[in-house]
Amino acid sequence: MTKLSRITLIILMTMTVTALTVPVQANQCRPVKIALDTPCFQSQMAPFASSPMFNVKTEVTDLGGGMMDVGFYFVPKCLNDPVPCRIATQYVGGTVDCNARAAVCD
């Protein structure tokens, strides 16, 4: 057995053992995906998401009880220029209920 074959075998075994020991959460919540699939988020984000002037930053806060606060910040790219622009950061946010798999916009 060559050295490359041994290394490959060790990597495959390690990946298999890791995959088997990680607990699977069948009820895993993806609050950002739920928010992005909600019409009110889509309509509020549309003017900014299609613009090349903004970078998007996402923030998720666990509120407990299956509730998550999801916020999308559209930060102007020109804020870090030598002469900063005067475009405001835009915010789109709301609350995601992981139990109901639904979101409500602010």
PDB file of N, CA and C in Angstrom:
ATOM      1  N   MET A   1       0.846  -1.165   0.000  1.00  0.00           N
ATOM      2  CA  MET A   1       0.000   0.000   0.000  1.00  0.00           C
ATOM      3  C   MET A   1       0.898   1.237   0.000  1.00  0.00           C
ATOM      4  N   THR A   2       0.600   2.159  -0.913  1.00  0.00           N
ATOM      5  CA  THR A   2       1.432   3.348  -1.021  1.00  0.00           C
ATOM      6  C   THR A   2       1.083   4.336   0.085  1.00  0.00           C
ATOM      7  N   LYS A   3       1.966   5.281   0.245  1.00  0.00           N
ATOM      8  CA  LYS A   3       1.776   6.293   1.278  1.00  0.00           C
ATOM      9  C   LYS A   3       0.509   7.115   1.012  1.00  0.00           C
ATOM     10  N   LEU A   4       0.257   7.454  -0.249  1.00  0.00           N
ATOM     11  CA  LEU A   4      -0.927   8.222  -0.620  1.00  0.00           C
ATOM     12  C   LEU A   4      -2.205   7.436  -0.315  1.00  0.00           C
ATOM     13  N   SER A   5      -2.197   6.144  -0.570  1.00  0.00           N
ATOM     14  CA  SER A   5      -3.361   5.298  -0.287  1.00  0.00           C
ATOM     15  C   SER A   5      -3.637   5.234   1.212  1.00  0.00           C
ATOM     16  N   ARG A   6      -2.581   5.157   2.005  1.00  0.00           N
ATOM     17  CA  ARG A   6      -2.748   5.111   3.462  1.00  0.00           C
ATOM     18  C   ARG A   6      -3.346   6.417   3.985  1.00  0.00           C
ATOM     19  N   ILE A   7      -2.825   7.528   3.487  1.00  0.00           N
ATOM     20  CA  ILE A   7      -3.325   8.837   3.921  1.00  0.00           C
ATOM     21  C   ILE A   7      -4.798   8.992   3.525  1.00  0.00           C
ATOM     22  N   THR A   8      -5.120   8.575   2.304  1.00  0.00           N
ATOM     23  CA  THR A   8      -6.501   8.658   1.834  1.00  0.00           C
ATOM     24  C   THR A   8      -7.407   7.797   2.681  1.00  0.00           C
ATOM     25  N   LEU A   9      -6.973   6.601   3.014  1.00  0.00           N
ATOM     26  CA  LEU A   9      -7.754   5.692   3.842  1.00  0.00           C
ATOM     27  C   LEU A   9      -7.975   6.273   5.239  1.00  0.00           C
ATOM     28  N   ILE A  10      -6.948   6.858   5.817  1.00  0.00           N
ATOM     29  CA  ILE A  10      -7.066   7.471   7.144  1.00  0.00           C
ATOM     30  C   ILE A  10      -8.051   8.639   7.105  1.00  0.00           C
ATOM     31  N   ILE A  11      -7.983   9.463   6.072  1.00  0.00           N
ATOM     32  CA  ILE A  11      -8.904  10.601   5.946  1.00  0.00           C
ATOM     33  C   ILE A  11     -10.339  10.110   5.804  1.00  0.00           C
ATOM     34  N   LEU A  12     -10.559   9.095   4.970  1.00  0.00           N
ATOM     35  CA  LEU A  12     -11.906   8.554   4.787  1.00  0.00           C
ATOM     36  C   LEU A  12     -12.459   7.956   6.074  1.00  0.00           C
ATOM     37  N   MET A  13     -11.611   7.242   6.813  1.00  0.00           N
ATOM     38  CA  MET A  13     -12.052   6.653   8.074  1.00  0.00           C
ATOM     39  C   MET A  13     -12.395   7.743   9.087  1.00  0.00           C
ATOM     40  N   THR A  14     -11.579   8.777   9.146  1.00  0.00           N
ATOM     41  CA  THR A  14     -11.823   9.883  10.069  1.00  0.00           C
ATOM     42  C   THR A  14     -13.133  10.587   9.729  1.00  0.00           C
ATOM     43  N   MET A  15     -13.378  10.825   8.445  1.00  0.00           N
ATOM     44  CA  MET A  15     -14.614  11.480   8.021  1.00  0.00           C
ATOM     45  C   MET A  15     -15.835  10.618   8.349  1.00  0.00           C
ATOM     46  N   THR A  16     -15.708   9.313   8.168  1.00  0.00           N
ATOM     47  CA  THR A  16     -16.815   8.404   8.451  1.00  0.00           C
ATOM     48  C   THR A  16     -17.136   8.389   9.940  1.00  0.00           C
ATOM     49  N   VAL A  17     -16.117   8.285  10.774  1.00  0.00           N
ATOM     50  CA  VAL A  17     -16.315   8.270  12.222  1.00  0.00           C
ATOM     51  C   VAL A  17     -16.918   9.599  12.674  1.00  0.00           C
ATOM     52  N   THR A  18     -16.440  10.695  12.136  1.00  0.00           N
ATOM     53  CA  THR A  18     -16.969  12.012  12.499  1.00  0.00           C
ATOM     54  C   THR A  18     -18.430  12.129  12.095  1.00  0.00           C
ATOM     55  N   ALA A  19     -18.760  11.694  10.900  1.00  0.00           N
ATOM     56  CA  ALA A  19     -20.145  11.768  10.424  1.00  0.00           C
ATOM     57  C   ALA A  19     -21.077  10.919  11.274  1.00  0.00           C
ATOM     58  N   LEU A  20     -20.600   9.801  11.763  1.00  0.00           N
ATOM     59  CA  LEU A  20     -21.436   8.918  12.569  1.00  0.00           C
ATOM     60  C   LEU A  20     -21.617   9.412  13.998  1.00  0.00           C
ATOM     61  N   THR A  21     -20.681  10.191  14.498  1.00  0.00           N
ATOM     62  CA  THR A  21     -20.758  10.645  15.882  1.00  0.00           C
ATOM     63  C   THR A  21     -21.451  11.985  16.035  1.00  0.00           C
ATOM     64  N   VAL A  22     -21.628  12.744  14.966  1.00  0.00           N
ATOM     65  CA  VAL A  22     -22.303  14.034  15.039  1.00  0.00           C
ATOM     66  C   VAL A  22     -23.806  13.781  15.133  1.00  0.00           C
ATOM     67  N   PRO A  23     -24.460  14.344  16.142  1.00  0.00           N
ATOM     68  CA  PRO A  23     -25.898  14.116  16.271  1.00  0.00           C
ATOM     69  C   PRO A  23     -26.662  14.788  15.136  1.00  0.00           C
ATOM     70  N   VAL A  24     -27.654  14.097  14.636  1.00  0.00           N
ATOM     71  CA  VAL A  24     -28.472  14.629  13.550  1.00  0.00           C
ATOM     72  C   VAL A  24     -29.705  15.274  14.163  1.00  0.00           C
ATOM     73  N   GLN A  25     -29.942  16.518  13.802  1.00  0.00           N
ATOM     74  CA  GLN A  25     -31.117  17.224  14.287  1.00  0.00           C
ATOM     75  C   GLN A  25     -32.128  17.300  13.156  1.00  0.00           C
ATOM     76  N   ALA A  26     -33.133  16.476  13.223  1.00  0.00           N
ATOM     77  CA  ALA A  26     -34.138  16.434  12.169  1.00  0.00           C
ATOM     78  C   ALA A  26     -34.995  17.694  12.182  1.00  0.00           C
ATOM     79  N   ASN A  27     -35.086  18.335  13.321  1.00  0.00           N
ATOM     80  CA  ASN A  27     -35.934  19.503  13.456  1.00  0.00           C
ATOM     81  C   ASN A  27     -35.101  20.789  13.459  1.00  0.00           C
ATOM     82  N   GLN A  28     -34.046  20.813  12.704  1.00  0.00           N
ATOM     83  CA  GLN A  28     -33.107  21.929  12.700  1.00  0.00           C
ATOM     84  C   GLN A  28     -33.737  23.150  12.033  1.00  0.00           C
ATOM     85  N   CYS A  29     -33.651  24.274  12.694  1.00  0.00           N
ATOM     86  CA  CYS A  29     -34.228  25.518  12.181  1.00  0.00           C
ATOM     87  C   CYS A  29     -33.171  26.286  11.389  1.00  0.00           C
ATOM     88  N   ARG A  30     -33.595  26.811  10.261  1.00  0.00           N
ATOM     89  CA  ARG A  30     -32.730  27.668   9.439  1.00  0.00           C
ATOM     90  C   ARG A  30     -33.439  29.011   9.297  1.00  0.00           C
ATOM     91  N   PRO A  31     -33.270  29.899  10.281  1.00  0.00           N
ATOM     92  CA  PRO A  31     -34.046  31.139  10.303  1.00  0.00           C
ATOM     93  C   PRO A  31     -33.786  32.063   9.111  1.00  0.00           C
ATOM     94  N   VAL A  32     -32.558  32.100   8.625  1.00  0.00           N
ATOM     95  CA  VAL A  32     -32.265  32.971   7.478  1.00  0.00           C
ATOM     96  C   VAL A  32     -33.011  32.471   6.245  1.00  0.00           C
ATOM     97  N   LYS A  33     -33.015  31.167   6.034  1.00  0.00           N
ATOM     98  CA  LYS A  33     -33.724  30.601   4.879  1.00  0.00           C
ATOM     99  C   LYS A  33     -35.225  30.849   4.991  1.00  0.00           C
ATOM    100  N   ILE A  34     -35.783  30.675   6.184  1.00  0.00           N
ATOM    101  CA  ILE A  34     -37.207  30.926   6.386  1.00  0.00           C
ATOM    102  C   ILE A  34     -37.520  32.388   6.095  1.00  0.00           C
ATOM    103  N   ALA A  35     -36.684  33.289   6.581  1.00  0.00           N
ATOM    104  CA  ALA A  35     -36.903  34.722   6.336  1.00  0.00           C
ATOM    105  C   ALA A  35     -36.828  35.039   4.848  1.00  0.00           C
ATOM    106  N   LEU A  36     -35.838  34.496   4.168  1.00  0.00           N
ATOM    107  CA  LEU A  36     -35.675  34.783   2.740  1.00  0.00           C
ATOM    108  C   LEU A  36     -36.821  34.227   1.903  1.00  0.00           C
ATOM    109  N   ASP A  37     -37.498  33.198   2.398  1.00  0.00           N
ATOM    110  CA  ASP A  37     -38.626  32.614   1.683  1.00  0.00           C
ATOM    111  C   ASP A  37     -39.952  33.315   1.980  1.00  0.00           C
ATOM    112  N   THR A  38     -39.945  34.299   2.878  1.00  0.00           N
ATOM    113  CA  THR A  38     -41.165  34.998   3.273  1.00  0.00           C
ATOM    114  C   THR A  38     -41.393  36.220   2.374  1.00  0.00           C
ATOM    115  N   PRO A  39     -42.604  36.382   1.828  1.00  0.00           N
ATOM    116  CA  PRO A  39     -42.873  37.487   0.901  1.00  0.00           C
ATOM    117  C   PRO A  39     -42.566  38.883   1.442  1.00  0.00           C
ATOM    118  N   CYS A  40     -42.853  39.142   2.726  1.00  0.00           N
ATOM    119  CA  CYS A  40     -42.595  40.496   3.241  1.00  0.00           C
ATOM    120  C   CYS A  40     -41.092  40.808   3.262  1.00  0.00           C
ATOM    121  N   PHE A  41     -40.262  39.829   3.576  1.00  0.00           N
ATOM    122  CA  PHE A  41     -38.813  40.035   3.513  1.00  0.00           C
ATOM    123  C   PHE A  41     -38.386  40.264   2.069  1.00  0.00           C
ATOM    124  N   GLN A  42     -38.903  39.451   1.158  1.00  0.00           N
ATOM    125  CA  GLN A  42     -38.527  39.563  -0.250  1.00  0.00           C
ATOM    126  C   GLN A  42     -38.859  40.944  -0.802  1.00  0.00           C
ATOM    127  N   SER A  43     -40.049  41.447  -0.509  1.00  0.00           N
ATOM    128  CA  SER A  43     -40.440  42.749  -1.055  1.00  0.00           C
ATOM    129  C   SER A  43     -39.641  43.894  -0.437  1.00  0.00           C
ATOM    130  N   GLN A  44     -39.316  43.803   0.844  1.00  0.00           N
ATOM    131  CA  GLN A  44     -38.547  44.862   1.491  1.00  0.00           C
ATOM    132  C   GLN A  44     -37.071  44.839   1.077  1.00  0.00           C
ATOM    133  N   MET A  45     -36.559  43.659   0.763  1.00  0.00           N
ATOM    134  CA  MET A  45     -35.143  43.537   0.402  1.00  0.00           C
ATOM    135  C   MET A  45     -34.882  43.774  -1.082  1.00  0.00           C
ATOM    136  N   ALA A  46     -35.896  43.652  -1.917  1.00  0.00           N
ATOM    137  CA  ALA A  46     -35.718  43.724  -3.370  1.00  0.00           C
ATOM    138  C   ALA A  46     -34.965  44.966  -3.861  1.00  0.00           C
ATOM    139  N   PRO A  47     -35.278  46.178  -3.389  1.00  0.00           N
ATOM    140  CA  PRO A  47     -34.559  47.350  -3.913  1.00  0.00           C
ATOM    141  C   PRO A  47     -33.062  47.352  -3.578  1.00  0.00           C
ATOM    142  N   PHE A  48     -32.707  46.749  -2.461  1.00  0.00           N
ATOM    143  CA  PHE A  48     -31.313  46.777  -2.022  1.00  0.00           C
ATOM    144  C   PHE A  48     -30.526  45.566  -2.511  1.00  0.00           C
ATOM    145  N   ALA A  49     -31.172  44.413  -2.574  1.00  0.00           N
ATOM    146  CA  ALA A  49     -30.489  43.175  -2.953  1.00  0.00           C
ATOM    147  C   ALA A  49     -29.998  43.211  -4.390  1.00  0.00           C
ATOM    148  N   SER A  50     -30.727  43.893  -5.250  1.00  0.00           N
ATOM    149  CA  SER A  50     -30.324  43.943  -6.656  1.00  0.00           C
ATOM    150  C   SER A  50     -29.322  45.059  -6.944  1.00  0.00           C
ATOM    151  N   SER A  51     -29.073  45.910  -5.969  1.00  0.00           N
ATOM    152  CA  SER A  51     -28.150  47.030  -6.166  1.00  0.00           C
ATOM    153  C   SER A  51     -26.701  46.609  -5.906  1.00  0.00           C
ATOM    154  N   PRO A  52     -25.785  46.996  -6.795  1.00  0.00           N
ATOM    155  CA  PRO A  52     -24.368  46.681  -6.564  1.00  0.00           C
ATOM    156  C   PRO A  52     -23.705  47.612  -5.545  1.00  0.00           C
ATOM    157  N   MET A  53     -24.460  48.544  -4.990  1.00  0.00           N
ATOM    158  CA  MET A  53     -23.898  49.535  -4.071  1.00  0.00           C
ATOM    159  C   MET A  53     -23.802  49.047  -2.632  1.00  0.00           C
ATOM    160  N   PHE A  54     -24.391  47.890  -2.322  1.00  0.00           N
ATOM    161  CA  PHE A  54     -24.471  47.457  -0.930  1.00  0.00           C
ATOM    162  C   PHE A  54     -23.800  46.108  -0.689  1.00  0.00           C
ATOM    163  N   ASN A  55     -23.225  45.972   0.494  1.00  0.00           N
ATOM    164  CA  ASN A  55     -22.798  44.684   1.032  1.00  0.00           C
ATOM    165  C   ASN A  55     -23.866  44.268   2.039  1.00  0.00           C
ATOM    166  N   VAL A  56     -24.179  42.981   2.089  1.00  0.00           N
ATOM    167  CA  VAL A  56     -25.215  42.497   2.996  1.00  0.00           C
ATOM    168  C   VAL A  56     -24.575  41.798   4.187  1.00  0.00           C
ATOM    169  N   LYS A  57     -25.002  42.181   5.372  1.00  0.00           N
ATOM    170  CA  LYS A  57     -24.576  41.519   6.601  1.00  0.00           C
ATOM    171  C   LYS A  57     -25.824  40.977   7.275  1.00  0.00           C
ATOM    172  N   THR A  58     -25.740  39.739   7.750  1.00  0.00           N
ATOM    173  CA  THR A  58     -26.884  39.084   8.367  1.00  0.00           C
ATOM    174  C   THR A  58     -26.611  38.883   9.849  1.00  0.00           C
ATOM    175  N   GLU A  59     -27.651  39.107  10.650  1.00  0.00           N
ATOM    176  CA  GLU A  59     -27.530  38.923  12.093  1.00  0.00           C
ATOM    177  C   GLU A  59     -28.711  38.099  12.581  1.00  0.00           C
ATOM    178  N   VAL A  60     -28.437  37.050  13.346  1.00  0.00           N
ATOM    179  CA  VAL A  60     -29.486  36.197  13.903  1.00  0.00           C
ATOM    180  C   VAL A  60     -29.316  36.153  15.418  1.00  0.00           C
ATOM    181  N   THR A  61     -30.406  36.447  16.133  1.00  0.00           N
ATOM    182  CA  THR A  61     -30.388  36.426  17.589  1.00  0.00           C
ATOM    183  C   THR A  61     -31.449  35.453  18.083  1.00  0.00           C
ATOM    184  N   ASP A  62     -31.038  34.526  18.952  1.00  0.00           N
ATOM    185  CA  ASP A  62     -31.969  33.552  19.524  1.00  0.00           C
ATOM    186  C   ASP A  62     -32.747  34.222  20.644  1.00  0.00           C
ATOM    187  N   LEU A  63     -34.067  34.269  20.501  1.00  0.00           N
ATOM    188  CA  LEU A  63     -34.926  34.884  21.511  1.00  0.00           C
ATOM    189  C   LEU A  63     -35.479  33.857  22.488  1.00  0.00           C
ATOM    190  N   GLY A  64     -35.203  32.582  22.240  1.00  0.00           N
ATOM    191  CA  GLY A  64     -35.694  31.510  23.103  1.00  0.00           C
ATOM    192  C   GLY A  64     -37.070  31.026  22.670  1.00  0.00           C
ATOM    193  N   GLY A  65     -37.400  29.829  23.040  1.00  0.00           N
ATOM    194  CA  GLY A  65     -38.699  29.262  22.731  1.00  0.00           C
ATOM    195  C   GLY A  65     -38.934  29.036  21.249  1.00  0.00           C
ATOM    196  N   GLY A  66     -37.868  28.862  20.480  1.00  0.00           N
ATOM    197  CA  GLY A  66     -38.008  28.637  19.048  1.00  0.00           C
ATOM    198  C   GLY A  66     -38.158  29.904  18.234  1.00  0.00           C
ATOM    199  N   MET A  67     -38.015  31.060  18.877  1.00  0.00           N
ATOM    200  CA  MET A  67     -38.130  32.348  18.183  1.00  0.00           C
ATOM    201  C   MET A  67     -36.737  32.901  17.907  1.00  0.00           C
ATOM    202  N   MET A  68     -36.561  33.431  16.697  1.00  0.00           N
ATOM    203  CA  MET A  68     -35.283  34.013  16.286  1.00  0.00           C
ATOM    204  C   MET A  68     -35.537  35.382  15.680  1.00  0.00           C
ATOM    205  N   ASP A  69     -34.662  36.322  16.016  1.00  0.00           N
ATOM    206  CA  ASP A  69     -34.709  37.646  15.397  1.00  0.00           C
ATOM    207  C   ASP A  69     -33.703  37.621  14.255  1.00  0.00           C
ATOM    208  N   VAL A  70     -34.153  37.945  13.047  1.00  0.00           N
ATOM    209  CA  VAL A  70     -33.286  37.923  11.868  1.00  0.00           C
ATOM    210  C   VAL A  70     -33.229  39.321  11.289  1.00  0.00           C
ATOM    211  N   GLY A  71     -32.011  39.809  11.057  1.00  0.00           N
ATOM    212  CA  GLY A  71     -31.836  41.139  10.473  1.00  0.00           C
ATOM    213  C   GLY A  71     -30.852  41.113   9.320  1.00  0.00           C
ATOM    214  N   PHE A  72     -31.184  41.840   8.272  1.00  0.00           N
ATOM    215  CA  PHE A  72     -30.307  42.000   7.115  1.00  0.00           C
ATOM    216  C   PHE A  72     -29.915  43.472   7.045  1.00  0.00           C
ATOM    217  N   TYR A  73     -28.620  43.737   7.104  1.00  0.00           N
ATOM    218  CA  TYR A  73     -28.112  45.099   7.027  1.00  0.00           C
ATOM    219  C   TYR A  73     -27.485  45.298   5.655  1.00  0.00           C
ATOM    220  N   PHE A  74     -27.961  46.288   4.930  1.00  0.00           N
ATOM    221  CA  PHE A  74     -27.421  46.627   3.617  1.00  0.00           C
ATOM    222  C   PHE A  74     -26.520  47.837   3.818  1.00  0.00           C
ATOM    223  N   VAL A  75     -25.210  47.563   3.870  1.00  0.00           N
ATOM    224  CA  VAL A  75     -24.209  48.574   4.169  1.00  0.00           C
ATOM    225  C   VAL A  75     -23.612  49.080   2.858  1.00  0.00           C
ATOM    226  N   PRO A  76     -23.629  50.399   2.624  1.00  0.00           N
ATOM    227  CA  PRO A  76     -23.056  50.935   1.386  1.00  0.00           C
ATOM    228  C   PRO A  76     -21.570  50.605   1.274  1.00  0.00           C
ATOM    229  N   LYS A  77     -21.161  50.160   0.103  1.00  0.00           N
ATOM    230  CA  LYS A  77     -19.754  49.824  -0.128  1.00  0.00           C
ATOM    231  C   LYS A  77     -18.865  51.050  -0.025  1.00  0.00           C
ATOM    232  N   CYS A  78     -19.412  52.223  -0.309  1.00  0.00           N
ATOM    233  CA  CYS A  78     -18.606  53.438  -0.346  1.00  0.00           C
ATOM    234  C   CYS A  78     -18.320  54.016   1.038  1.00  0.00           C
ATOM    235  N   LEU A  79     -18.793  53.394   2.118  1.00  0.00           N
ATOM    236  CA  LEU A  79     -18.512  53.908   3.460  1.00  0.00           C
ATOM    237  C   LEU A  79     -17.030  53.838   3.811  1.00  0.00           C
ATOM    238  N   ASN A  80     -16.313  52.911   3.209  1.00  0.00           N
ATOM    239  CA  ASN A  80     -14.885  52.751   3.494  1.00  0.00           C
ATOM    240  C   ASN A  80     -14.001  53.475   2.490  1.00  0.00           C
ATOM    241  N   ASP A  81     -14.583  54.250   1.595  1.00  0.00           N
ATOM    242  CA  ASP A  81     -13.792  55.018   0.624  1.00  0.00           C
ATOM    243  C   ASP A  81     -13.063  56.157   1.324  1.00  0.00           C
ATOM    244  N   PRO A  82     -12.008  56.706   0.670  1.00  0.00           N
ATOM    245  CA  PRO A  82     -11.298  57.844   1.265  1.00  0.00           C
ATOM    246  C   PRO A  82     -12.238  59.021   1.553  1.00  0.00           C
ATOM    247  N   VAL A  83     -13.200  59.238   0.669  1.00  0.00           N
ATOM    248  CA  VAL A  83     -14.232  60.237   0.916  1.00  0.00           C
ATOM    249  C   VAL A  83     -15.541  59.457   1.059  1.00  0.00           C
ATOM    250  N   PRO A  84     -15.970  59.206   2.303  1.00  0.00           N
ATOM    251  CA  PRO A  84     -17.154  58.361   2.511  1.00  0.00           C
ATOM    252  C   PRO A  84     -18.411  58.959   1.885  1.00  0.00           C
ATOM    253  N   CYS A  85     -19.262  58.108   1.400  1.00  0.00           N
ATOM    254  CA  CYS A  85     -20.514  58.555   0.808  1.00  0.00           C
ATOM    255  C   CYS A  85     -21.528  58.867   1.903  1.00  0.00           C
ATOM    256  N   ARG A  86     -22.621  59.437   1.507  1.00  0.00           N
ATOM    257  CA  ARG A  86     -23.661  59.795   2.477  1.00  0.00           C
ATOM    258  C   ARG A  86     -24.908  58.943   2.264  1.00  0.00           C
ATOM    259  N   ILE A  87     -24.707  57.687   1.969  1.00  0.00           N
ATOM    260  CA  ILE A  87     -25.819  56.763   1.804  1.00  0.00           C
ATOM    261  C   ILE A  87     -26.001  56.022   3.129  1.00  0.00           C
ATOM    262  N   ALA A  88     -27.216  55.964   3.597  1.00  0.00           N
ATOM    263  CA  ALA A  88     -27.495  55.328   4.886  1.00  0.00           C
ATOM    264  C   ALA A  88     -27.524  53.807   4.765  1.00  0.00           C
ATOM    265  N   THR A  89     -27.164  53.157   5.840  1.00  0.00           N
ATOM    266  CA  THR A  89     -27.309  51.709   5.930  1.00  0.00           C
ATOM    267  C   THR A  89     -28.798  51.401   6.060  1.00  0.00           C
ATOM    268  N   GLN A  90     -29.247  50.425   5.307  1.00  0.00           N
ATOM    269  CA  GLN A  90     -30.660  50.043   5.320  1.00  0.00           C
ATOM    270  C   GLN A  90     -30.822  48.741   6.096  1.00  0.00           C
ATOM    271  N   TYR A  91     -31.917  48.617   6.823  1.00  0.00           N
ATOM    272  CA  TYR A  91     -32.175  47.446   7.646  1.00  0.00           C
ATOM    273  C   TYR A  91     -33.515  46.816   7.257  1.00  0.00           C
ATOM    274  N   VAL A  92     -33.510  45.501   7.113  1.00  0.00           N
ATOM    275  CA  VAL A  92     -34.737  44.730   6.925  1.00  0.00           C
ATOM    276  C   VAL A  92     -34.681  43.614   7.959  1.00  0.00           C
ATOM    277  N   GLY A  93     -35.713  43.514   8.783  1.00  0.00           N
ATOM    278  CA  GLY A  93     -35.677  42.509   9.826  1.00  0.00           C
ATOM    279  C   GLY A  93     -37.043  42.038  10.240  1.00  0.00           C
ATOM    280  N   GLY A  94     -37.021  41.035  11.090  1.00  0.00           N
ATOM    281  CA  GLY A  94     -38.264  40.482  11.601  1.00  0.00           C
ATOM    282  C   GLY A  94     -37.993  39.322  12.530  1.00  0.00           C
ATOM    283  N   THR A  95     -39.052  38.638  12.879  1.00  0.00           N
ATOM    284  CA  THR A  95     -38.972  37.521  13.806  1.00  0.00           C
ATOM    285  C   THR A  95     -39.379  36.236  13.099  1.00  0.00           C
ATOM    286  N   VAL A  96     -38.597  35.191  13.315  1.00  0.00           N
ATOM    287  CA  VAL A  96     -38.872  33.883  12.729  1.00  0.00           C
ATOM    288  C   VAL A  96     -39.294  32.941  13.850  1.00  0.00           C
ATOM    289  N   ASP A  97     -40.408  32.264  13.626  1.00  0.00           N
ATOM    290  CA  ASP A  97     -40.888  31.245  14.551  1.00  0.00           C
ATOM    291  C   ASP A  97     -40.468  29.884  13.982  1.00  0.00           C
ATOM    292  N   CYS A  98     -39.464  29.284  14.578  1.00  0.00           N
ATOM    293  CA  CYS A  98     -38.944  28.008  14.083  1.00  0.00           C
ATOM    294  C   CYS A  98     -39.945  26.873  14.253  1.00  0.00           C
ATOM    295  N   ASN A  99     -40.811  26.969  15.239  1.00  0.00           N
ATOM    296  CA  ASN A  99     -41.800  25.919  15.467  1.00  0.00           C
ATOM    297  C   ASN A  99     -42.853  25.904  14.345  1.00  0.00           C
ATOM    298  N   ALA A 100     -43.267  27.084  13.899  1.00  0.00           N
ATOM    299  CA  ALA A 100     -44.272  27.188  12.846  1.00  0.00           C
ATOM    300  C   ALA A 100     -43.638  27.338  11.457  1.00  0.00           C
ATOM    301  N   ARG A 101     -42.309  27.503  11.411  1.00  0.00           N
ATOM    302  CA  ARG A 101     -41.596  27.725  10.156  1.00  0.00           C
ATOM    303  C   ARG A 101     -42.186  28.919   9.392  1.00  0.00           C
ATOM    304  N   ALA A 102     -42.385  30.030  10.124  1.00  0.00           N
ATOM    305  CA  ALA A 102     -42.966  31.240   9.551  1.00  0.00           C
ATOM    306  C   ALA A 102     -42.212  32.457  10.064  1.00  0.00           C
ATOM    307  N   ALA A 103     -42.326  33.558   9.333  1.00  0.00           N
ATOM    308  CA  ALA A 103     -41.647  34.788   9.711  1.00  0.00           C
ATOM    309  C   ALA A 103     -42.611  35.960   9.634  1.00  0.00           C
ATOM    310  N   VAL A 104     -42.359  36.957  10.484  1.00  0.00           N
ATOM    311  CA  VAL A 104     -43.125  38.205  10.499  1.00  0.00           C
ATOM    312  C   VAL A 104     -42.118  39.341  10.405  1.00  0.00           C
ATOM    313  N   CYS A 105     -42.332  40.255   9.467  1.00  0.00           N
ATOM    314  CA  CYS A 105     -41.418  41.389   9.293  1.00  0.00           C
ATOM    315  C   CYS A 105     -41.721  42.494  10.284  1.00  0.00           C
ATOM    316  N   ASP A 106     -40.684  43.285  10.573  1.00  0.00           N
ATOM    317  CA  ASP A 106     -40.849  44.452  11.459  1.00  0.00           C
ATOM    318  C   ASP A 106     -41.554  45.566  10.716  1.00  0.00           C
TER     319      ASP A 106
END
